[in-house]
């Protein structure tokens, strides 16, 4: 009966394979990454009309003292300097 249900409801397969309806750890506000990770802010990028992607920008530990108390503009300028940027893509399950 399982193949029959999958044939009728293909969206169920996506839910059970990727488990993207679960948010773990529970009761964490991912819009405030500074509570979880030092020297990190939350940003949003619009990749195309109607699609917005949330990102965290974390500066390296060597710039941690410099980042203390800075606002979003400072972090955006830090992205534009000559330091390398590492992009980590966590996949489609879970959250940032």
Protein backbone atom coordinates (compact mmCIF):
# COMPACT_ATOMS: atom_id res chain seq x y z
CA UNK A 1 0.00 0.00 0.00
CA UNK A 2 2.98 2.35 0.53
CA UNK A 3 3.83 2.66 -3.21
CA UNK A 4 0.16 3.36 -3.90
CA UNK A 5 0.08 6.15 -1.28
CA UNK A 6 3.28 7.67 -2.65
CA UNK A 7 1.81 7.59 -6.15
CA UNK A 8 -1.32 9.37 -4.93
CA UNK A 9 0.45 11.86 -2.65
CA UNK A 10 4.00 12.55 -3.93
CA UNK A 11 4.34 15.52 -1.58
CA UNK A 12 4.27 13.08 1.35
CA UNK A 13 7.47 11.50 0.07
CA UNK A 14 9.21 14.88 0.14
CA UNK A 15 8.03 15.53 3.68
CA UNK A 16 9.27 12.19 5.00
CA UNK A 17 12.56 12.15 3.08
CA UNK A 18 13.65 15.71 3.82
CA UNK A 19 11.78 16.36 7.08
CA UNK A 20 11.75 20.07 6.26
CA UNK A 21 8.69 20.58 8.45
CA UNK A 22 10.80 20.01 11.58
CA UNK A 23 12.72 22.88 13.16
CA UNK A 24 15.53 21.66 15.37
CA UNK A 25 16.71 22.71 17.92
CA UNK A 26 13.30 23.63 19.24
CA UNK A 27 12.39 27.14 20.47
CA UNK A 28 15.46 28.88 19.03
CA UNK A 29 15.14 32.26 17.33
CA UNK A 30 17.34 31.90 14.23
CA UNK A 31 16.82 35.59 13.44
CA UNK A 32 19.17 36.36 16.37
CA UNK A 33 22.31 34.32 15.63
CA UNK A 34 24.41 36.42 18.01
CA UNK A 35 22.78 34.44 20.82
CA UNK A 36 24.18 31.20 19.36
CA UNK A 37 27.39 32.15 17.51
CA UNK A 38 29.81 34.98 18.28
CA UNK A 39 30.41 37.74 15.70
CA UNK A 40 27.41 36.76 13.57
CA UNK A 41 24.46 38.69 12.13
CA UNK A 42 21.36 37.70 10.20
CA UNK A 43 20.90 39.06 6.65
CA UNK A 44 18.36 38.46 3.90
CA UNK A 45 19.14 38.33 0.18
CA UNK A 46 16.54 38.51 -2.59
CA UNK A 47 17.77 36.06 -5.23
CA UNK A 48 14.87 36.53 -7.64
CA UNK A 49 11.41 38.07 -7.46
CA UNK A 50 9.48 36.41 -4.67
CA UNK A 51 12.46 34.42 -3.32
CA UNK A 52 14.27 35.65 -0.21
CA UNK A 53 17.11 33.68 1.35
CA UNK A 54 18.16 34.13 4.97
CA UNK A 55 21.91 34.02 5.64
CA UNK A 56 24.23 34.36 8.57
CA UNK A 57 27.43 36.32 8.17
CA UNK A 58 30.12 35.29 10.63
CA UNK A 59 33.49 37.02 10.69
CA UNK A 60 36.56 34.96 11.60
CA UNK A 61 37.82 34.85 15.16
CA UNK A 62 40.82 36.99 14.21
CA UNK A 63 38.40 39.87 13.54
CA UNK A 64 36.17 39.11 16.51
CA UNK A 65 37.40 41.98 18.68
CA UNK A 66 36.92 44.38 15.77
CA UNK A 67 33.33 43.13 15.20
CA UNK A 68 32.16 43.66 18.78
CA UNK A 69 29.21 46.08 18.87
CA UNK A 70 29.20 46.74 15.12
CA UNK A 71 26.03 47.16 13.11
CA UNK A 72 24.85 45.51 9.90
CA UNK A 73 26.62 48.08 7.72
CA UNK A 74 30.02 47.11 9.16
CA UNK A 75 29.36 43.43 8.37
CA UNK A 76 28.31 44.28 4.82
CA UNK A 77 31.52 46.27 4.33
CA UNK A 78 33.49 43.33 5.76
CA UNK A 79 32.06 41.18 2.96
CA UNK A 80 33.45 43.61 0.38
CA UNK A 81 37.04 43.66 1.65
CA UNK A 82 39.90 41.47 0.35
CA UNK A 83 39.38 38.62 2.83
CA UNK A 84 38.11 35.31 1.40
CA UNK A 85 34.48 34.31 1.90
CA UNK A 86 33.48 30.72 2.65
CA UNK A 87 29.93 29.75 1.81
CA UNK A 88 28.44 26.82 3.70
CA UNK A 89 25.24 25.37 2.32
CA UNK A 90 23.52 23.25 4.94
CA UNK A 91 21.06 21.54 2.62
CA UNK A 92 17.30 21.60 2.58
CA UNK A 93 16.59 19.82 5.87
CA UNK A 94 16.53 21.71 9.13
CA UNK A 95 17.33 25.37 9.48
CA UNK A 96 20.31 27.67 9.61
